[in-house]
């Protein structure tokens, strides 16, 4: 896992954890990465001091280890996401268009997944179309 210090355009600072560096870019591009304080999708990385491993830091890291209950919950979450993907029609970049067709009864009701820009996501939500981001999870429980 990679930890980034992040900041929104309103100067709210927070941390984000990603399974790899490309996850930050994917989540930002999809509009799923937002500021927890104000909801702004204008989020950027800020300069961080490098992490230097020390004996004390190793003790703190062990204290932050994921419990068995959390690991099992994570496994269940990953399985649920796999099931959603397997039982949904991937419409790719046509997601906003297809979601509207389904919502307005112009296409058969079914589960779909795909991509939408932050502007498209906001527009769909304003129209009352129920959508939810599908998280990108790491392959291994850390």
N, C-alpha and C. Protein backbone atom coordinates (compact mmCIF):
# COMPACT_ATOMS: atom_id res chain seq x y z
N UNK A 1 0.85 -1.18 0.00
CA UNK A 1 0.00 0.00 0.00
C UNK A 1 0.89 1.24 0.00
N UNK A 2 0.39 2.28 -0.68
CA UNK A 2 1.09 3.55 -0.75
C UNK A 2 0.23 4.62 -0.10
N UNK A 3 0.86 5.43 0.77
CA UNK A 3 0.13 6.52 1.44
C UNK A 3 0.59 7.83 0.82
N UNK A 4 -0.41 8.65 0.43
CA UNK A 4 -0.12 9.98 -0.09
C UNK A 4 -0.75 11.02 0.82
N UNK A 5 -0.05 12.12 1.01
CA UNK A 5 -0.65 13.30 1.62
C UNK A 5 -1.36 14.03 0.48
N UNK A 6 -2.61 14.37 0.70
CA UNK A 6 -3.42 14.99 -0.34
C UNK A 6 -3.97 16.33 0.12
N UNK A 7 -4.35 17.14 -0.84
CA UNK A 7 -4.92 18.46 -0.53
C UNK A 7 -5.95 18.78 -1.61
N UNK A 8 -7.08 19.35 -1.20
CA UNK A 8 -8.09 19.74 -2.18
C UNK A 8 -7.89 21.22 -2.54
N UNK A 9 -8.67 21.70 -3.50
CA UNK A 9 -8.55 23.08 -3.93
C UNK A 9 -9.02 24.08 -2.86
N UNK A 10 -9.61 23.59 -1.79
CA UNK A 10 -10.03 24.45 -0.67
C UNK A 10 -9.01 24.40 0.47
N UNK A 11 -7.85 23.76 0.21
CA UNK A 11 -6.72 23.66 1.14
C UNK A 11 -6.97 22.71 2.31
N UNK A 12 -7.95 21.80 2.20
CA UNK A 12 -8.13 20.76 3.22
C UNK A 12 -7.09 19.68 2.97
N UNK A 13 -6.34 19.30 4.00
CA UNK A 13 -5.33 18.27 3.85
C UNK A 13 -5.81 16.97 4.48
N UNK A 14 -5.50 15.86 3.82
CA UNK A 14 -5.89 14.53 4.30
C UNK A 14 -4.98 13.50 3.67
N UNK A 15 -5.11 12.25 4.09
CA UNK A 15 -4.29 11.17 3.56
C UNK A 15 -5.13 10.24 2.70
N UNK A 16 -4.47 9.59 1.76
CA UNK A 16 -5.12 8.57 0.96
C UNK A 16 -4.20 7.38 0.83
N UNK A 17 -4.77 6.18 0.88
CA UNK A 17 -4.01 4.94 0.75
C UNK A 17 -4.41 4.28 -0.56
N UNK A 18 -3.42 3.84 -1.33
CA UNK A 18 -3.65 3.27 -2.65
C UNK A 18 -2.83 1.99 -2.80
N UNK A 19 -3.36 1.03 -3.55
CA UNK A 19 -2.64 -0.24 -3.72
C UNK A 19 -1.41 -0.06 -4.60
N UNK A 20 -1.43 0.93 -5.49
CA UNK A 20 -0.29 1.26 -6.33
C UNK A 20 -0.43 2.70 -6.79
N UNK A 21 0.63 3.27 -7.32
CA UNK A 21 0.60 4.69 -7.66
C UNK A 21 -0.44 5.00 -8.73
N UNK A 22 -0.69 4.07 -9.64
CA UNK A 22 -1.68 4.30 -10.70
C UNK A 22 -3.10 4.40 -10.15
N UNK A 23 -3.37 3.83 -8.97
CA UNK A 23 -4.70 3.91 -8.38
C UNK A 23 -5.10 5.35 -8.10
N UNK A 24 -4.16 6.16 -7.64
CA UNK A 24 -4.46 7.58 -7.40
C UNK A 24 -4.97 8.21 -8.69
N UNK A 25 -4.24 8.01 -9.79
CA UNK A 25 -4.62 8.61 -11.07
C UNK A 25 -5.98 8.10 -11.55
N UNK A 26 -6.23 6.79 -11.41
CA UNK A 26 -7.51 6.22 -11.85
C UNK A 26 -8.66 6.79 -11.03
N UNK A 27 -8.49 6.83 -9.71
CA UNK A 27 -9.57 7.33 -8.85
C UNK A 27 -9.82 8.81 -9.07
N UNK A 28 -8.76 9.57 -9.29
CA UNK A 28 -8.92 11.01 -9.55
C UNK A 28 -9.64 11.22 -10.87
N UNK A 29 -9.22 10.50 -11.91
CA UNK A 29 -9.84 10.64 -13.23
C UNK A 29 -11.31 10.23 -13.23
N UNK A 30 -11.65 9.24 -12.42
CA UNK A 30 -13.04 8.76 -12.39
C UNK A 30 -13.95 9.60 -11.52
N UNK A 31 -13.35 10.50 -10.72
CA UNK A 31 -14.16 11.35 -9.84
C UNK A 31 -14.48 10.73 -8.50
N UNK A 32 -13.92 9.55 -8.23
CA UNK A 32 -14.20 8.87 -6.97
C UNK A 32 -13.34 9.38 -5.83
N UNK A 33 -12.25 10.10 -6.16
CA UNK A 33 -11.36 10.63 -5.14
C UNK A 33 -11.83 12.04 -4.80
N UNK A 34 -12.38 12.19 -3.61
CA UNK A 34 -12.90 13.48 -3.19
C UNK A 34 -12.43 13.83 -1.79
N UNK A 35 -12.45 15.10 -1.48
CA UNK A 35 -12.05 15.58 -0.16
C UNK A 35 -13.10 15.15 0.87
N UNK A 36 -12.68 14.54 1.98
CA UNK A 36 -13.65 14.13 2.99
C UNK A 36 -14.27 15.31 3.74
N UNK A 37 -13.63 16.47 3.69
CA UNK A 37 -14.16 17.64 4.41
C UNK A 37 -15.21 18.39 3.60
N UNK A 38 -14.96 18.57 2.28
CA UNK A 38 -15.89 19.40 1.49
C UNK A 38 -16.44 18.70 0.26
N UNK A 39 -15.90 17.52 -0.08
CA UNK A 39 -16.40 16.78 -1.24
C UNK A 39 -15.81 17.20 -2.57
N UNK A 40 -14.87 18.13 -2.58
CA UNK A 40 -14.26 18.59 -3.81
C UNK A 40 -13.51 17.45 -4.49
N UNK A 41 -13.65 17.37 -5.82
CA UNK A 41 -12.92 16.36 -6.59
C UNK A 41 -11.59 16.91 -7.11
N UNK A 42 -11.30 18.17 -6.82
CA UNK A 42 -10.02 18.77 -7.21
C UNK A 42 -8.99 18.45 -6.14
N UNK A 43 -8.40 17.27 -6.23
CA UNK A 43 -7.48 16.77 -5.22
C UNK A 43 -6.11 16.57 -5.86
N UNK A 44 -5.06 16.93 -5.13
CA UNK A 44 -3.70 16.73 -5.64
C UNK A 44 -2.81 16.22 -4.52
N UNK A 45 -1.70 15.61 -4.92
CA UNK A 45 -0.71 15.13 -3.96
C UNK A 45 0.09 16.33 -3.45
N UNK A 46 0.52 16.27 -2.19
CA UNK A 46 1.39 17.29 -1.65
C UNK A 46 2.70 16.64 -1.23
N UNK A 47 3.73 17.45 -1.14
CA UNK A 47 5.05 16.96 -0.80
C UNK A 47 5.05 16.31 0.58
N UNK A 48 5.66 15.13 0.66
CA UNK A 48 5.75 14.40 1.93
C UNK A 48 7.21 14.16 2.25
N UNK A 49 7.50 14.09 3.53
CA UNK A 49 8.84 13.70 3.96
C UNK A 49 8.98 12.20 3.74
N UNK A 50 10.15 11.74 3.33
CA UNK A 50 10.31 10.29 3.12
C UNK A 50 10.20 9.54 4.43
N UNK A 51 9.66 8.34 4.36
CA UNK A 51 9.53 7.50 5.55
C UNK A 51 10.87 6.82 5.82
N UNK A 52 11.37 6.97 7.02
CA UNK A 52 12.62 6.33 7.43
C UNK A 52 12.27 5.29 8.48
N UNK A 53 12.66 4.05 8.24
CA UNK A 53 12.32 2.97 9.15
C UNK A 53 13.19 3.02 10.40
N UNK A 54 12.54 2.97 11.54
CA UNK A 54 13.24 2.91 12.83
C UNK A 54 12.62 1.80 13.65
N UNK A 55 13.28 1.42 14.72
CA UNK A 55 12.74 0.37 15.59
C UNK A 55 11.40 0.80 16.15
N UNK A 56 11.28 2.06 16.57
CA UNK A 56 10.01 2.54 17.12
C UNK A 56 8.93 2.52 16.06
N UNK A 57 9.28 2.91 14.86
CA UNK A 57 8.31 2.92 13.77
C UNK A 57 7.81 1.50 13.48
N UNK A 58 8.70 0.52 13.56
CA UNK A 58 8.28 -0.87 13.34
C UNK A 58 7.27 -1.29 14.40
N UNK A 59 7.48 -0.87 15.64
CA UNK A 59 6.53 -1.18 16.70
C UNK A 59 5.18 -0.54 16.40
N UNK A 60 5.19 0.70 15.94
CA UNK A 60 3.95 1.38 15.61
C UNK A 60 3.25 0.71 14.44
N UNK A 61 4.01 0.27 13.46
CA UNK A 61 3.44 -0.42 12.31
C UNK A 61 2.75 -1.70 12.76
N UNK A 62 3.38 -2.44 13.67
CA UNK A 62 2.76 -3.66 14.16
C UNK A 62 1.46 -3.35 14.88
N UNK A 63 1.39 -2.24 15.56
CA UNK A 63 0.17 -1.85 16.27
C UNK A 63 -0.94 -1.49 15.29
N UNK A 64 -0.56 -1.15 14.06
CA UNK A 64 -1.54 -0.77 13.06
C UNK A 64 -1.95 -1.93 12.16
N UNK A 65 -1.46 -3.11 12.45
CA UNK A 65 -1.76 -4.27 11.61
C UNK A 65 -3.26 -4.55 11.59
N UNK A 66 -3.72 -5.08 10.49
CA UNK A 66 -5.13 -5.38 10.30
C UNK A 66 -5.50 -6.61 11.12
N UNK A 67 -6.61 -6.54 11.83
CA UNK A 67 -7.06 -7.67 12.63
C UNK A 67 -7.63 -8.76 11.73
N UNK A 68 -7.80 -9.93 12.29
CA UNK A 68 -8.37 -11.05 11.52
C UNK A 68 -9.79 -10.73 11.08
N UNK A 69 -10.55 -10.06 11.92
CA UNK A 69 -11.92 -9.68 11.57
C UNK A 69 -11.91 -8.73 10.38
N UNK A 70 -10.98 -7.77 10.39
CA UNK A 70 -10.88 -6.82 9.29
C UNK A 70 -10.44 -7.53 8.00
N UNK A 71 -9.52 -8.48 8.11
CA UNK A 71 -9.09 -9.24 6.94
C UNK A 71 -10.26 -9.99 6.33
N UNK A 72 -11.07 -10.63 7.18
CA UNK A 72 -12.22 -11.39 6.68
C UNK A 72 -13.25 -10.45 6.03
N UNK A 73 -13.45 -9.29 6.61
CA UNK A 73 -14.37 -8.31 6.03
C UNK A 73 -13.86 -7.85 4.67
N UNK A 74 -12.56 -7.65 4.57
CA UNK A 74 -11.94 -7.25 3.31
C UNK A 74 -12.13 -8.33 2.25
N UNK A 75 -11.94 -9.59 2.64
CA UNK A 75 -12.13 -10.71 1.71
C UNK A 75 -13.58 -10.73 1.22
N UNK A 76 -14.54 -10.52 2.12
CA UNK A 76 -15.96 -10.50 1.74
C UNK A 76 -16.24 -9.33 0.79
N UNK A 77 -15.63 -8.19 1.06
CA UNK A 77 -15.82 -7.02 0.19
C UNK A 77 -15.28 -7.31 -1.21
N UNK A 78 -14.10 -7.91 -1.29
CA UNK A 78 -13.53 -8.26 -2.59
C UNK A 78 -14.42 -9.24 -3.34
N UNK A 79 -14.98 -10.20 -2.62
CA UNK A 79 -15.88 -11.18 -3.25
C UNK A 79 -17.15 -10.50 -3.75
N UNK A 80 -17.69 -9.60 -2.97
CA UNK A 80 -18.90 -8.87 -3.39
C UNK A 80 -18.63 -8.08 -4.66
N UNK A 81 -17.47 -7.45 -4.74
CA UNK A 81 -17.13 -6.68 -5.94
C UNK A 81 -16.97 -7.60 -7.14
N UNK A 82 -16.35 -8.77 -6.92
CA UNK A 82 -16.23 -9.75 -8.02
C UNK A 82 -17.61 -10.18 -8.51
N UNK A 83 -18.54 -10.41 -7.59
CA UNK A 83 -19.89 -10.82 -7.96
C UNK A 83 -20.62 -9.71 -8.72
N UNK A 84 -20.44 -8.48 -8.28
CA UNK A 84 -21.06 -7.34 -8.98
C UNK A 84 -20.53 -7.27 -10.40
N UNK A 85 -19.21 -7.38 -10.56
CA UNK A 85 -18.62 -7.32 -11.90
C UNK A 85 -19.12 -8.48 -12.77
N UNK A 86 -19.20 -9.67 -12.19
CA UNK A 86 -19.61 -10.86 -12.95
C UNK A 86 -21.07 -10.80 -13.37
N UNK A 87 -21.91 -10.14 -12.58
CA UNK A 87 -23.34 -10.11 -12.88
C UNK A 87 -23.78 -8.80 -13.53
N UNK A 88 -22.83 -7.97 -13.94
CA UNK A 88 -23.15 -6.68 -14.56
C UNK A 88 -22.66 -6.64 -15.99
N UNK A 89 -23.32 -5.83 -16.78
CA UNK A 89 -22.94 -5.61 -18.16
C UNK A 89 -21.97 -4.42 -18.18
N UNK A 90 -20.73 -4.65 -18.64
CA UNK A 90 -19.73 -3.57 -18.70
C UNK A 90 -19.98 -2.77 -19.98
N UNK A 91 -20.48 -1.54 -19.81
CA UNK A 91 -20.80 -0.69 -20.95
C UNK A 91 -19.72 0.35 -21.22
N UNK A 92 -18.63 0.28 -20.46
CA UNK A 92 -17.49 1.16 -20.69
C UNK A 92 -17.83 2.63 -20.60
N UNK A 93 -17.38 3.40 -21.58
CA UNK A 93 -17.57 4.85 -21.59
C UNK A 93 -19.02 5.25 -21.88
N UNK A 94 -19.85 4.29 -22.28
CA UNK A 94 -21.27 4.59 -22.54
C UNK A 94 -22.11 4.53 -21.27
N UNK A 95 -21.44 4.43 -20.09
CA UNK A 95 -22.16 4.29 -18.82
C UNK A 95 -23.20 5.38 -18.61
N UNK A 96 -22.87 6.68 -18.74
CA UNK A 96 -23.89 7.70 -18.47
C UNK A 96 -25.10 7.57 -19.40
N UNK A 97 -24.84 7.34 -20.67
CA UNK A 97 -25.92 7.19 -21.64
C UNK A 97 -26.80 5.98 -21.32
N UNK A 98 -26.17 4.86 -21.03
CA UNK A 98 -26.91 3.62 -20.74
C UNK A 98 -27.67 3.73 -19.41
N UNK A 99 -27.07 4.36 -18.41
CA UNK A 99 -27.74 4.55 -17.12
C UNK A 99 -29.01 5.38 -17.29
N UNK A 100 -28.93 6.41 -18.12
CA UNK A 100 -30.12 7.23 -18.39
C UNK A 100 -31.20 6.42 -19.11
N UNK A 101 -30.80 5.63 -20.11
CA UNK A 101 -31.78 4.80 -20.84
C UNK A 101 -32.50 3.86 -19.88
N UNK A 102 -31.76 3.23 -18.98
CA UNK A 102 -32.37 2.32 -18.02
C UNK A 102 -33.29 3.09 -17.08
N UNK A 103 -32.82 4.23 -16.57
CA UNK A 103 -33.60 5.03 -15.62
C UNK A 103 -34.92 5.50 -16.23
N UNK A 104 -34.89 5.90 -17.49
CA UNK A 104 -36.09 6.44 -18.15
C UNK A 104 -36.89 5.38 -18.89
N UNK A 105 -36.54 4.09 -18.70
CA UNK A 105 -37.31 3.00 -19.28
C UNK A 105 -37.09 2.78 -20.77
N UNK A 106 -36.01 3.33 -21.32
CA UNK A 106 -35.71 3.17 -22.74
C UNK A 106 -34.86 1.93 -23.02
N UNK A 107 -34.37 1.30 -21.97
CA UNK A 107 -33.58 0.07 -22.10
C UNK A 107 -33.97 -0.85 -20.95
N UNK A 108 -33.70 -2.15 -21.12
CA UNK A 108 -34.06 -3.11 -20.08
C UNK A 108 -33.32 -2.80 -18.78
N UNK A 109 -34.01 -3.01 -17.67
CA UNK A 109 -33.39 -2.80 -16.36
C UNK A 109 -32.40 -3.92 -16.11
N UNK A 110 -31.17 -3.55 -15.81
CA UNK A 110 -30.11 -4.52 -15.54
C UNK A 110 -28.98 -3.79 -14.84
N UNK A 111 -28.10 -4.57 -14.23
CA UNK A 111 -26.92 -3.98 -13.59
C UNK A 111 -25.88 -3.67 -14.64
N UNK A 112 -25.34 -2.45 -14.58
CA UNK A 112 -24.28 -2.08 -15.50
C UNK A 112 -23.10 -1.49 -14.73
N UNK A 113 -21.91 -1.61 -15.32
CA UNK A 113 -20.72 -0.94 -14.80
C UNK A 113 -20.05 -0.25 -15.97
N UNK A 114 -19.24 0.75 -15.68
CA UNK A 114 -18.54 1.48 -16.73
C UNK A 114 -17.84 2.69 -16.16
N UNK A 115 -17.48 3.60 -17.03
CA UNK A 115 -16.76 4.80 -16.61
C UNK A 115 -17.60 6.04 -16.86
N UNK A 116 -17.40 7.03 -15.97
CA UNK A 116 -18.05 8.32 -16.11
C UNK A 116 -17.14 9.38 -15.52
N UNK A 117 -17.13 10.55 -16.13
CA UNK A 117 -16.32 11.65 -15.61
C UNK A 117 -17.01 12.22 -14.37
N UNK A 118 -16.29 13.00 -13.57
CA UNK A 118 -16.92 13.63 -12.40
C UNK A 118 -18.14 14.48 -12.77
N UNK A 119 -18.06 15.17 -13.89
CA UNK A 119 -19.19 16.00 -14.34
C UNK A 119 -20.38 15.10 -14.69
N UNK A 120 -20.11 13.99 -15.38
CA UNK A 120 -21.19 13.07 -15.74
C UNK A 120 -21.80 12.43 -14.49
N UNK A 121 -20.96 12.06 -13.52
CA UNK A 121 -21.45 11.48 -12.27
C UNK A 121 -22.39 12.46 -11.58
N UNK A 122 -21.97 13.71 -11.47
CA UNK A 122 -22.78 14.73 -10.81
C UNK A 122 -24.11 14.92 -11.54
N UNK A 123 -24.07 14.92 -12.86
CA UNK A 123 -25.28 15.08 -13.65
C UNK A 123 -26.25 13.92 -13.44
N UNK A 124 -25.73 12.70 -13.42
CA UNK A 124 -26.58 11.52 -13.19
C UNK A 124 -27.23 11.60 -11.81
N UNK A 125 -26.46 11.97 -10.80
CA UNK A 125 -26.99 12.08 -9.44
C UNK A 125 -28.06 13.16 -9.36
N UNK A 126 -27.84 14.29 -10.03
CA UNK A 126 -28.83 15.38 -10.02
C UNK A 126 -30.13 14.97 -10.69
N UNK A 127 -30.05 14.04 -11.65
CA UNK A 127 -31.25 13.53 -12.33
C UNK A 127 -31.97 12.47 -11.49
N UNK A 128 -31.38 12.11 -10.34
CA UNK A 128 -32.00 11.11 -9.48
C UNK A 128 -31.66 9.68 -9.87
N UNK A 129 -30.64 9.51 -10.69
CA UNK A 129 -30.23 8.19 -11.12
C UNK A 129 -29.28 7.63 -10.06
N UNK A 130 -29.65 6.49 -9.49
CA UNK A 130 -28.87 5.90 -8.41
C UNK A 130 -27.66 5.17 -8.97
N UNK A 131 -26.48 5.69 -8.64
CA UNK A 131 -25.21 5.09 -9.04
C UNK A 131 -24.29 5.08 -7.83
N UNK A 132 -23.28 4.25 -7.89
CA UNK A 132 -22.31 4.18 -6.80
C UNK A 132 -20.95 3.82 -7.38
N UNK A 133 -19.88 4.38 -6.82
CA UNK A 133 -18.55 4.02 -7.30
C UNK A 133 -18.21 2.59 -6.92
N UNK A 134 -17.52 1.91 -7.78
CA UNK A 134 -17.05 0.56 -7.52
C UNK A 134 -15.58 0.69 -7.17
N UNK A 135 -15.19 0.42 -5.91
CA UNK A 135 -13.80 0.66 -5.50
C UNK A 135 -12.82 -0.27 -6.19
N UNK A 136 -11.62 0.27 -6.40
CA UNK A 136 -10.51 -0.53 -6.89
C UNK A 136 -9.74 -0.99 -5.66
N UNK A 137 -9.68 -2.30 -5.45
CA UNK A 137 -9.05 -2.84 -4.26
C UNK A 137 -7.74 -3.56 -4.62
N UNK A 138 -6.79 -3.56 -3.68
CA UNK A 138 -5.55 -4.29 -3.93
C UNK A 138 -5.83 -5.79 -3.98
N UNK A 139 -4.97 -6.52 -4.66
CA UNK A 139 -5.14 -7.97 -4.80
C UNK A 139 -4.90 -8.70 -3.49
N UNK A 140 -4.05 -8.16 -2.65
CA UNK A 140 -3.71 -8.84 -1.40
C UNK A 140 -4.14 -8.00 -0.21
N UNK A 141 -4.49 -8.65 0.87
CA UNK A 141 -4.79 -7.95 2.10
C UNK A 141 -3.46 -7.64 2.77
N UNK A 142 -3.21 -6.36 3.00
CA UNK A 142 -1.94 -5.94 3.63
C UNK A 142 -2.12 -5.83 5.11
